[in-house]
């Protein structure tokens, strides 16, 4: 007997059994007893209905840092990936203290459900979610399809900035389980034991180009890290920017040779596209051990005396 079809949290029809798998995969950071906290992926319709809930805070994070001022979802805060989510002096993620200040000013408390969205199918929204989880904030979700889907649906935007009541946010120490560093990657190159996923374009992977056109951050050499599998991030989304179904995603990564149950490190150029793939593997497919190498190719491709393949 065929299973009945119901609507998943992504808004697509799926079988009852598959929908249960989606719910398990989308269940968020879990406490010591495995308590589900929030779904990690919500629809535009969910945001339209719940964006003003007392415990929900919308945050827009765009590649185009001017997009927020041109129009955003009412009540959403705007976070700048280049000036707020990065350390302003050294190449690194924002500090714990910087996140505490940004979250406090944005009206985010330790139990706030932060819903992130942005342009480019949520590149930097996914990066911001990864940073939140890095510092222990599991109550965070992506809006499926991001800014483009919201606008394509004809939903309203405003240019008015929100002025939330300030909180006293306290972050946790960085969780090393979600972040890969240079030495972790070099160990994989030498010894194996961890699957590397390069999520850049085929032209970047082959070394034909070092960075996409118009991108200023680059490296000294082109190519890819030895042992890496090539699975461009864009293959995980539909034309409207929403994520493909779990079945389609499993087929995509399985065909590339990625094995569930084995640790994974994802990388791109500066860590935002790999955050997108990290989100897919960790929260949509339920991989247990996935890390984002945010140094990515701009770091590895500029190191002296490391192996590179083309």
Protein backbone atom coordinates (compact mmCIF):
# COMPACT_ATOMS: atom_id res chain seq x y z
CA UNK A 1 0.00 0.00 0.00
CA UNK A 2 1.37 3.42 -0.87
CA UNK A 3 1.97 5.84 1.98
CA UNK A 4 -0.24 8.94 2.28
CA UNK A 5 1.32 12.22 1.24
CA UNK A 6 1.50 15.12 3.66
CA UNK A 7 3.14 18.50 3.61
CA UNK A 8 6.67 18.73 5.04
CA UNK A 9 8.08 21.81 6.73
CA UNK A 10 9.71 22.78 3.44
CA UNK A 11 6.28 23.05 1.90
CA UNK A 12 6.72 20.08 -0.45
CA UNK A 13 4.57 16.98 -0.51
CA UNK A 14 6.25 13.83 0.68
CA UNK A 15 5.34 10.44 2.06
CA UNK A 16 4.48 10.04 5.73
CA UNK A 17 7.65 8.05 6.35
CA UNK A 18 9.81 10.58 4.53
CA UNK A 19 8.13 13.43 6.37
CA UNK A 20 9.03 11.84 9.69
CA UNK A 21 12.63 11.65 8.50
CA UNK A 22 12.49 15.31 7.51
CA UNK A 23 11.20 16.25 10.93
CA UNK A 24 14.00 14.30 12.59
CA UNK A 25 16.56 15.92 10.30
CA UNK A 26 15.11 19.38 10.81
CA UNK A 27 14.89 19.06 14.57
CA UNK A 28 17.33 21.49 15.98
CA UNK A 29 19.97 21.56 18.56
CA UNK A 30 19.00 19.05 21.14
CA UNK A 31 19.52 19.11 24.85
CA UNK A 32 21.08 16.37 26.98
CA UNK A 33 17.83 14.38 26.86
CA UNK A 34 17.43 14.89 23.09
CA UNK A 35 14.70 17.50 23.53
CA UNK A 36 13.72 19.08 20.21
CA UNK A 37 14.03 22.85 20.44
CA UNK A 38 13.15 24.35 17.04
CA UNK A 39 12.89 23.26 13.43
CA UNK A 40 15.98 24.27 11.52
CA UNK A 41 14.11 25.11 8.31
CA UNK A 42 10.93 27.17 8.13
CA UNK A 43 8.90 28.38 5.18
CA UNK A 44 8.10 31.93 4.11
CA UNK A 45 4.52 31.24 5.13
CA UNK A 46 5.66 30.24 8.62
CA UNK A 47 7.58 33.52 8.88
CA UNK A 48 4.54 35.48 7.71
CA UNK A 49 2.50 33.84 10.47
CA UNK A 50 5.09 33.76 13.27
CA UNK A 51 7.65 36.46 12.49
CA UNK A 52 6.09 38.77 15.08
CA UNK A 53 5.85 36.16 17.83
CA UNK A 54 7.38 37.36 21.07
CA UNK A 55 10.12 34.74 21.10
CA UNK A 56 11.01 34.97 17.39
CA UNK A 57 13.62 37.36 15.98
CA UNK A 58 14.14 37.73 12.25
CA UNK A 59 17.62 38.54 10.96
CA UNK A 60 18.63 39.29 7.37
CA UNK A 61 22.22 38.62 6.27
CA UNK A 62 23.10 39.31 2.64
CA UNK A 63 26.09 39.02 0.34
CA UNK A 64 24.99 42.43 -0.93
CA UNK A 65 25.27 44.39 2.30
CA UNK A 66 23.12 47.21 0.88
CA UNK A 67 20.11 44.94 0.24
CA UNK A 68 18.67 45.23 3.75
CA UNK A 69 18.30 49.02 3.45
CA UNK A 70 16.50 48.61 0.12
CA UNK A 71 13.74 46.61 1.80
CA UNK A 72 13.45 43.80 4.34
CA UNK A 73 10.84 41.83 6.22
CA UNK A 74 9.17 44.05 8.81
CA UNK A 75 10.80 43.63 12.20
CA UNK A 76 13.96 42.00 10.86
CA UNK A 77 17.39 43.06 12.08
CA UNK A 78 20.17 43.44 9.53
CA UNK A 79 23.56 41.85 10.19
CA UNK A 80 26.57 42.76 8.03
CA UNK A 81 28.68 39.70 7.29
CA UNK A 82 31.86 41.65 6.53
CA UNK A 83 31.86 44.14 9.42
CA UNK A 84 29.90 42.34 12.14
CA UNK A 85 30.29 38.58 11.69
CA UNK A 86 34.05 38.76 11.15
CA UNK A 87 36.86 39.91 13.41
CA UNK A 88 37.69 43.47 12.23
CA UNK A 89 41.48 43.06 12.61
CA UNK A 90 42.58 39.49 12.07
CA UNK A 91 41.11 36.87 9.73
CA UNK A 92 38.74 35.02 12.04
CA UNK A 93 35.11 34.68 13.00
CA UNK A 94 33.65 37.25 15.35
CA UNK A 95 34.60 36.86 18.99
CA UNK A 96 32.26 35.60 21.67
CA UNK A 97 32.08 39.11 23.08
CA UNK A 98 31.23 40.60 19.68
CA UNK A 99 28.36 38.14 19.25
CA UNK A 100 27.08 39.00 22.70
CA UNK A 101 26.99 42.69 21.80
CA UNK A 102 25.40 42.14 18.38
CA UNK A 103 22.76 39.76 19.71
CA UNK A 104 21.96 42.03 22.66
CA UNK A 105 21.54 45.06 20.39
CA UNK A 106 19.33 42.96 18.09
CA UNK A 107 16.96 41.95 20.87
CA UNK A 108 18.12 38.33 20.93
CA UNK A 109 18.02 36.49 24.26
CA UNK A 110 19.48 33.08 25.04
CA UNK A 111 16.11 31.41 24.38
CA UNK A 112 15.11 33.47 21.32
CA UNK A 113 14.25 31.58 18.15
CA UNK A 114 16.42 33.37 15.57
CA UNK A 115 15.19 32.96 11.99
CA UNK A 116 17.80 33.94 9.42
CA UNK A 117 17.39 34.67 5.73
CA UNK A 118 19.30 36.44 2.99
CA UNK A 119 20.20 36.66 -0.67
CA UNK A 120 22.07 34.10 -2.80
CA UNK A 121 19.94 31.23 -1.48
CA UNK A 122 20.93 32.06 2.10
CA UNK A 123 24.73 31.93 1.78
CA UNK A 124 25.52 34.26 4.62
CA UNK A 125 22.32 33.49 6.49
CA UNK A 126 23.66 29.93 6.74
CA UNK A 127 27.04 31.34 7.80
CA UNK A 128 25.36 33.39 10.55
CA UNK A 129 23.46 30.32 11.72
CA UNK A 130 26.74 28.39 11.83
CA UNK A 131 28.32 31.18 13.91
CA UNK A 132 25.36 31.10 16.31
CA UNK A 133 25.71 27.35 16.73
CA UNK A 134 29.48 27.73 17.09
CA UNK A 135 28.77 29.81 20.19
CA UNK A 136 26.04 27.53 21.49
CA UNK A 137 22.82 29.11 20.21
CA UNK A 138 20.87 26.13 18.85
CA UNK A 139 17.56 28.01 18.64
CA UNK A 140 18.21 29.17 15.07
CA UNK A 141 16.58 28.39 11.72
CA UNK A 142 16.81 29.32 8.06
CA UNK A 143 13.88 30.62 6.05
CA UNK A 144 13.73 28.31 3.04
CA UNK A 145 14.40 30.18 -0.20
CA UNK A 146 15.65 33.29 1.57
CA UNK A 147 15.10 36.84 0.44
CA UNK A 148 14.46 35.96 -3.22
CA UNK A 149 11.65 33.53 -2.38
CA UNK A 150 9.99 36.05 -0.06
CA UNK A 151 10.04 38.68 -2.81
CA UNK A 152 9.00 36.23 -5.54
CA UNK A 153 5.96 35.32 -3.46
CA UNK A 154 4.95 38.99 -3.52
CA UNK A 155 5.28 39.39 0.22
CA UNK A 156 5.72 42.86 1.74
CA UNK A 157 8.97 44.52 2.74
CA UNK A 158 9.78 47.75 4.50
CA UNK A 159 12.69 50.18 4.75
CA UNK A 160 11.94 50.92 8.39
CA UNK A 161 14.61 49.74 10.79
CA UNK A 162 13.51 47.77 13.80
CA UNK A 163 14.30 49.02 17.30
CA UNK A 164 14.02 46.02 19.61
CA UNK A 165 14.40 46.16 23.35
CA UNK A 166 18.02 45.46 24.23
CA UNK A 167 18.83 42.18 25.96
CA UNK A 168 21.83 40.91 27.94
CA UNK A 169 22.82 38.02 25.71
CA UNK A 170 25.46 35.57 26.91
CA UNK A 171 27.13 33.22 24.45
CA UNK A 172 28.88 29.96 25.23
CA UNK A 173 32.49 29.17 24.47
CA UNK A 174 33.14 28.14 20.88
CA UNK A 175 32.23 24.55 20.07
CA UNK A 176 35.17 22.94 18.29
CA UNK A 177 32.91 20.18 16.99
CA UNK A 178 31.42 22.42 14.29
CA UNK A 179 34.57 24.17 13.08
CA UNK A 180 37.60 22.81 11.23
CA UNK A 181 40.92 24.62 11.31
CA UNK A 182 43.96 24.58 9.05
CA UNK A 183 45.76 21.87 11.02
CA UNK A 184 42.67 19.64 10.98
CA UNK A 185 42.61 19.81 7.18
CA UNK A 186 46.33 19.19 6.81
CA UNK A 187 45.94 16.09 8.99
CA UNK A 188 43.20 14.81 6.69
CA UNK A 189 45.39 15.44 3.63
CA UNK A 190 48.20 13.42 5.22
CA UNK A 191 46.22 10.63 6.86
CA UNK A 192 42.68 10.57 5.49
CA UNK A 193 39.92 9.41 7.82
CA UNK A 194 37.65 12.40 7.15
CA UNK A 195 35.66 13.18 4.03
CA UNK A 196 36.44 16.56 2.45
CA UNK A 197 33.71 18.26 0.41
CA UNK A 198 34.61 21.15 -1.90
CA UNK A 199 31.38 23.08 -2.52
CA UNK A 200 32.79 25.64 -4.97
CA UNK A 201 32.04 25.69 -8.68
CA UNK A 202 33.66 23.11 -10.98
CA UNK A 203 35.85 25.88 -12.45
CA UNK A 204 37.18 26.75 -9.01
CA UNK A 205 37.70 23.09 -8.13
CA UNK A 206 39.74 22.50 -11.29
CA UNK A 207 41.80 25.64 -10.79
CA UNK A 208 40.49 27.28 -13.95
CA UNK A 209 39.52 30.25 -11.79
CA UNK A 210 40.51 31.09 -8.22
CA UNK A 211 37.36 32.99 -7.29
CA UNK A 212 33.96 33.68 -8.87
CA UNK A 213 33.79 36.83 -11.01
CA UNK A 214 33.52 40.01 -8.97
CA UNK A 215 34.68 38.45 -5.69
CA UNK A 216 37.63 40.25 -4.13
CA UNK A 217 38.80 37.59 -1.67
CA UNK A 218 41.19 35.29 -3.46
CA UNK A 219 44.17 32.97 -2.96
CA UNK A 220 47.68 32.63 -4.35
CA UNK A 221 47.03 29.36 -6.16
CA UNK A 222 44.10 27.62 -7.85
CA UNK A 223 42.96 24.03 -7.51
CA UNK A 224 41.57 21.99 -4.64
CA UNK A 225 42.62 20.18 -1.49
CA UNK A 226 43.75 16.59 -2.14
CA UNK A 227 41.13 13.92 -1.27
CA UNK A 228 38.28 16.44 -1.70
CA UNK A 229 35.02 15.50 -3.39
CA UNK A 230 33.42 18.13 -5.62
CA UNK A 231 29.75 18.80 -4.81
CA UNK A 232 28.91 22.43 -5.70
CA UNK A 233 26.56 23.99 -3.16
CA UNK A 234 24.12 25.11 -5.89
CA UNK A 235 23.17 21.53 -6.69
CA UNK A 236 21.41 21.33 -3.31
CA UNK A 237 18.79 23.96 -4.17
CA UNK A 238 15.90 24.35 -6.57
CA UNK A 239 15.57 27.21 -9.06
CA UNK A 240 13.65 29.27 -6.50
CA UNK A 241 16.42 28.89 -3.93
CA UNK A 242 14.58 26.42 -1.69
CA UNK A 243 16.35 23.26 -0.65
CA UNK A 244 15.80 20.07 -2.59
CA UNK A 245 14.03 17.18 -0.86
CA UNK A 246 15.96 14.89 1.51
CA UNK A 247 15.73 12.07 -1.05
CA UNK A 248 17.21 14.27 -3.77
CA UNK A 249 19.95 15.50 -1.43
CA UNK A 250 20.92 12.00 -0.36
CA UNK A 251 21.12 10.95 -4.01
CA UNK A 252 23.27 13.99 -4.81
CA UNK A 253 25.86 13.41 -2.12
CA UNK A 254 25.72 9.64 -2.41
CA UNK A 255 26.50 9.82 -6.13
CA UNK A 256 29.56 11.93 -5.29
CA UNK A 257 30.79 9.25 -2.90
CA UNK A 258 29.94 10.92 0.40
CA UNK A 259 29.15 8.39 3.11
CA UNK A 260 26.74 9.01 5.96
CA UNK A 261 28.18 7.97 9.31
CA UNK A 262 31.72 9.15 8.51
CA UNK A 263 33.04 12.59 9.53
CA UNK A 264 32.90 15.41 7.00
CA UNK A 265 34.65 18.75 6.53
CA UNK A 266 33.13 21.18 4.04
CA UNK A 267 35.01 24.10 2.50
CA UNK A 268 34.59 26.75 -0.18
CA UNK A 269 36.42 30.06 -0.67
CA UNK A 270 35.75 32.03 2.53
CA UNK A 271 33.36 29.78 4.44
CA UNK A 272 29.88 31.02 3.51
CA UNK A 273 29.00 28.54 0.76
CA UNK A 274 30.43 25.72 2.86
CA UNK A 275 28.18 26.86 5.74
CA UNK A 276 25.27 26.28 3.35
CA UNK A 277 26.45 22.71 2.68
CA UNK A 278 27.23 22.21 6.38
CA UNK A 279 23.58 23.11 7.08
CA UNK A 280 22.34 20.62 4.48
CA UNK A 281 24.44 17.75 5.77
CA UNK A 282 24.00 18.44 9.46
CA UNK A 283 20.42 19.61 9.69
CA UNK A 284 18.60 18.37 6.59
CA UNK A 285 20.30 14.98 6.24
CA UNK A 286 21.22 14.42 9.88
CA UNK A 287 24.96 13.75 9.51
CA UNK A 288 26.33 13.67 13.05
CA UNK A 289 29.91 14.87 12.49
CA UNK A 290 30.13 17.77 10.07
CA UNK A 291 32.53 20.69 10.38
CA UNK A 292 32.86 23.88 8.40
CA UNK A 293 36.38 24.91 7.38
CA UNK A 294 35.79 28.66 7.27
CA UNK A 295 39.42 29.40 6.36
CA UNK A 296 38.60 27.55 3.15
CA UNK A 297 40.47 28.12 -0.11
CA UNK A 298 41.60 31.69 0.59
CA UNK A 299 43.61 30.22 3.47
CA UNK A 300 44.63 26.84 2.08
CA UNK A 301 45.39 28.16 -1.40
CA UNK A 302 47.79 30.73 0.07
CA UNK A 303 49.72 28.38 2.37
CA UNK A 304 53.35 27.68 1.54
CA UNK A 305 54.42 24.09 0.86
CA UNK A 306 51.08 22.32 1.01
CA UNK A 307 49.82 19.84 -1.59
CA UNK A 308 47.30 21.05 -4.17
CA UNK A 309 45.53 19.13 -6.88
CA UNK A 310 43.91 20.34 -10.10
